[in-house]
């Protein structure tokens, strides 16, 4: 079976994703192989106008993998620990 296009279902909670710079660059930078650098993902996040919405979404939804809102998995975990 060949899929020509993928339809994305959006909701008001995730509408911000359409404006995210990561949506224009692809997931490879944001979900690197273990031990790989997240520097490029963080650089892109630093220029993104919806970075705070992304980070808030990741924290609210307990995203465990990838760079979200400019923070790695470890950084988000640390943020959760210090904010509780």
Protein backbone atom coordinates (compact mmCIF):
# COMPACT_ATOMS: atom_id res chain seq x y z
CA UNK A 1 0.00 0.00 0.00
CA UNK A 2 1.37 3.38 -0.99
CA UNK A 3 0.31 6.54 0.79
CA UNK A 4 0.54 9.67 -1.35
CA UNK A 5 -0.24 12.13 1.41
CA UNK A 6 -0.69 12.22 5.13
CA UNK A 7 -3.57 14.12 6.62
CA UNK A 8 -2.87 15.77 9.94
CA UNK A 9 -5.72 16.31 12.32
CA UNK A 10 -5.37 19.58 14.15
CA UNK A 11 -7.12 20.85 17.21
CA UNK A 12 -7.07 24.22 18.93
CA UNK A 13 -4.54 22.69 21.35
CA UNK A 14 -2.07 21.96 18.54
CA UNK A 15 -2.80 24.73 16.00
CA UNK A 16 0.47 26.41 17.00
CA UNK A 17 2.38 23.53 15.39
CA UNK A 18 1.57 24.87 11.92
CA UNK A 19 3.72 27.94 12.64
CA UNK A 20 6.59 26.05 14.25
CA UNK A 21 9.98 26.25 12.54
CA UNK A 22 10.51 22.55 13.22
CA UNK A 23 7.50 21.76 11.04
CA UNK A 24 9.38 23.36 8.16
CA UNK A 25 12.72 21.64 8.78
CA UNK A 26 11.78 18.06 9.58
CA UNK A 27 12.00 15.88 12.65
CA UNK A 28 15.57 14.62 12.26
CA UNK A 29 17.10 17.50 14.21
CA UNK A 30 14.50 17.31 16.97
CA UNK A 31 14.56 13.55 17.53
CA UNK A 32 18.25 12.68 17.14
CA UNK A 33 19.76 9.28 17.74
CA UNK A 34 20.88 8.69 21.35
CA UNK A 35 24.17 10.45 22.00
CA UNK A 36 23.78 12.78 19.02
CA UNK A 37 23.94 16.55 19.33
CA UNK A 38 20.80 18.62 19.85
CA UNK A 39 22.65 21.86 19.10
CA UNK A 40 21.01 22.43 15.70
CA UNK A 41 17.53 21.76 17.12
CA UNK A 42 18.14 24.25 19.92
CA UNK A 43 19.39 26.83 17.43
CA UNK A 44 16.20 26.47 15.38
CA UNK A 45 14.06 26.60 18.53
CA UNK A 46 15.82 29.79 19.57
CA UNK A 47 14.50 31.52 16.44
CA UNK A 48 11.00 30.06 16.66
CA UNK A 49 8.15 32.47 17.49
CA UNK A 50 6.07 29.79 19.23
CA UNK A 51 8.80 28.27 21.35
CA UNK A 52 6.98 28.88 24.65
CA UNK A 53 3.76 27.22 23.39
CA UNK A 54 5.83 24.23 22.28
CA UNK A 55 7.53 23.89 25.64
CA UNK A 56 4.23 24.28 27.49
CA UNK A 57 2.69 21.55 25.32
CA UNK A 58 5.63 19.20 25.96
CA UNK A 59 5.45 19.72 29.72
CA UNK A 60 1.65 19.41 29.85
CA UNK A 61 1.73 16.21 27.79
CA UNK A 62 4.83 14.70 29.41
CA UNK A 63 6.72 14.41 26.12
CA UNK A 64 9.64 12.12 26.91
CA UNK A 65 11.58 12.24 23.65
CA UNK A 66 13.09 14.91 21.45
CA UNK A 67 13.72 18.62 21.72
CA UNK A 68 10.59 20.64 22.51
CA UNK A 69 10.56 24.37 23.15
CA UNK A 70 14.34 24.44 23.02
CA UNK A 71 14.85 21.90 25.81
CA UNK A 72 16.11 18.33 25.61
CA UNK A 73 14.54 15.40 27.43
CA UNK A 74 16.98 15.78 30.31
CA UNK A 75 16.41 19.53 30.58
CA UNK A 76 12.62 19.10 30.66
CA UNK A 77 12.94 16.43 33.32
CA UNK A 78 15.10 18.75 35.41
CA UNK A 79 12.59 21.58 34.92
CA UNK A 80 9.77 19.30 36.14
CA UNK A 81 11.79 18.29 39.18
CA UNK A 82 12.62 21.85 40.19
CA UNK A 83 9.10 23.17 39.60
CA UNK A 84 7.37 20.64 41.89
